[in-house]
Amino acid sequence: MCSFRFMNGLAVCSRTVTQALCTRNLTKMTSEVYHLNPEERTKGLQDLQALGWIEIPARDAIYKEYKFKSFNQAFGFMTRVAMQSEKMNHHPEWFNVYNKVQITLTTHDCGKLTKKDLKLAMFIEKAAKE
């Protein structure tokens, strides 16, 4: 199934656009945007699953919920993650209620997990311990 995006006044299949973004070497994007090779993916997912991350195969994403002692701690954590996300130009999907933060990571440009997701997940783990 193909949804359409309008680009320069033309309807273009979003799948075609997504595939082009993920397979071309775009000068403004780092090499981390590329899909993971099977070995990198297996190793990265194993490492993150050992830390409590859950794979969401239907979205090719990973998910984890964090619980803090207070809203202030949760908000501080989210602030640290937001600052790093801006530096990486890679942003999580998240949901916060009081002391809980739910995070889903995937690379939206590609619709798949990439090295950026694994790198951000490892940063998130460190930020949760601060």
Protein backbone atom coordinates (compact mmCIF):
# COMPACT_ATOMS: atom_id res chain seq x y z
CA MET A 1 0.00 0.00 0.00
CA CYS A 2 1.29 3.42 -0.84
CA SER A 3 0.27 6.70 0.72
CA PHE A 4 0.98 9.85 -1.22
CA ARG A 5 2.90 12.99 -0.30
CA PHE A 6 2.84 16.17 -2.30
CA MET A 7 6.26 17.34 -3.39
CA ASN A 8 6.64 20.36 -5.65
CA GLY A 9 2.96 20.12 -6.51
CA LEU A 10 3.16 16.45 -7.56
CA ALA A 11 1.71 13.44 -5.76
CA VAL A 12 4.55 11.04 -5.01
CA CYS A 13 4.32 7.60 -3.42
CA SER A 14 5.68 7.96 0.13
CA ARG A 15 7.20 4.47 -0.06
CA THR A 16 9.29 5.60 -3.02
CA VAL A 17 10.38 8.73 -1.16
CA THR A 18 11.23 6.71 1.97
CA GLN A 19 13.25 4.17 0.01
CA ALA A 20 15.14 6.95 -1.75
CA LEU A 21 15.95 8.69 1.53
CA CYS A 22 17.25 5.49 3.08
CA THR A 23 19.30 4.18 0.21
CA ARG A 24 20.88 7.36 -1.15
CA ASN A 25 23.95 8.89 0.37
CA LEU A 26 22.52 12.21 1.48
CA THR A 27 25.21 14.77 2.19
CA LYS A 28 23.26 16.45 5.00
CA MET A 29 22.74 13.19 6.86
CA THR A 30 25.39 11.13 8.59
CA SER A 31 26.17 7.53 7.75
CA GLU A 32 24.27 6.54 10.91
CA VAL A 33 21.00 6.91 9.01
CA TYR A 34 21.64 3.71 7.08
CA HIS A 35 19.86 0.55 8.02
CA LEU A 36 21.59 -1.87 10.34
CA ASN A 37 23.19 -4.91 8.78
CA PRO A 38 21.90 -8.22 10.24
CA GLU A 39 24.84 -8.63 12.63
CA GLU A 40 24.62 -5.05 13.95
CA ARG A 41 20.88 -5.40 14.37
CA THR A 42 21.06 -8.71 16.25
CA LYS A 43 23.83 -7.51 18.57
CA GLY A 44 22.24 -4.11 19.18
CA LEU A 45 18.82 -5.57 19.94
CA GLN A 46 20.28 -8.22 22.26
CA ASP A 47 22.16 -5.56 24.21
CA LEU A 48 19.07 -3.36 24.52
CA GLN A 49 16.72 -6.24 25.36
CA ALA A 50 19.05 -7.12 28.23
CA LEU A 51 18.40 -3.57 29.50
CA GLY A 52 14.61 -3.94 29.25
CA TRP A 53 13.89 -2.58 25.77
CA ILE A 54 11.14 -4.37 23.84
CA GLU A 55 11.19 -4.83 20.08
CA ILE A 56 8.03 -3.82 18.23
CA PRO A 57 8.33 -5.81 14.97
CA ALA A 58 5.17 -4.38 13.37
CA ARG A 59 6.77 -0.90 13.43
CA ASP A 60 10.42 -1.94 13.38
CA ALA A 61 10.84 0.05 16.58
CA ILE A 62 11.98 -0.41 20.17
CA TYR A 63 10.11 0.61 23.34
CA LYS A 64 10.82 1.05 27.03
CA GLU A 65 9.03 2.55 30.01
CA TYR A 66 10.93 4.33 32.76
CA LYS A 67 9.60 5.07 36.24
CA PHE A 68 11.14 7.76 38.44
CA LYS A 69 10.60 8.82 42.04
CA SER A 70 8.91 12.08 41.06
CA PHE A 71 7.70 14.19 38.17
CA ASN A 72 10.76 16.43 38.59
CA GLN A 73 13.10 13.48 38.09
CA ALA A 74 11.12 12.33 35.05
CA PHE A 75 11.19 15.84 33.60
CA GLY A 76 14.93 16.18 34.22
CA PHE A 77 15.47 12.88 32.41
CA MET A 78 13.34 14.05 29.49
CA THR A 79 15.32 17.29 29.33
CA ARG A 80 18.64 15.42 29.14
CA VAL A 81 17.25 13.18 26.39
CA ALA A 82 15.81 16.18 24.52
CA MET A 83 19.16 17.98 24.52
CA GLN A 84 20.94 14.91 23.12
CA SER A 85 18.14 14.31 20.61
CA GLU A 86 18.61 17.82 19.26
CA LYS A 87 22.36 17.26 18.91
CA MET A 88 21.72 14.02 17.03
CA ASN A 89 18.76 15.44 15.07
CA HIS A 90 16.95 12.26 16.06
CA HIS A 91 13.88 12.52 18.25
CA PRO A 92 12.00 9.93 20.29
CA GLU A 93 8.29 9.38 20.46
CA TRP A 94 7.44 9.67 24.11
CA PHE A 95 4.60 9.93 26.56
CA ASN A 96 4.84 11.24 30.12
CA VAL A 97 2.42 10.99 33.01
CA TYR A 98 3.69 12.12 36.39
CA ASN A 99 6.75 9.94 37.11
CA LYS A 100 6.49 7.60 34.12
CA VAL A 101 8.07 8.11 30.70
CA GLN A 102 7.34 5.76 27.79
CA ILE A 103 9.74 5.94 24.85
CA THR A 104 9.55 4.49 21.36
CA LEU A 105 12.45 4.76 18.95
CA THR A 106 12.50 4.25 15.19
CA THR A 107 13.93 6.26 12.32
CA HIS A 108 10.89 7.86 10.73
CA ASP A 109 12.65 8.80 7.49
CA CYS A 110 13.30 5.12 6.85
CA GLY A 111 10.45 3.53 8.79
CA LYS A 112 12.98 1.19 10.39
CA LEU A 113 15.51 0.87 13.16
CA THR A 114 18.89 2.37 12.37
CA LYS A 115 22.17 2.95 14.13
CA LYS A 116 20.76 6.26 15.35
CA ASP A 117 18.07 4.44 17.34
CA LEU A 118 20.58 2.14 19.01
CA LYS A 119 22.88 5.05 19.81
CA LEU A 120 20.05 7.15 21.27
CA ALA A 121 18.74 4.18 23.29
CA MET A 122 22.16 3.72 24.90
CA PHE A 123 22.28 7.43 25.73
CA ILE A 124 18.78 7.18 27.23
CA GLU A 125 19.97 4.35 29.46
CA LYS A 126 22.79 6.52 30.79
CA ALA A 127 20.49 9.52 31.23
CA ALA A 128 18.01 7.44 33.24
CA LYS A 129 20.74 6.65 35.78
CA GLU A 130 21.75 10.27 36.38
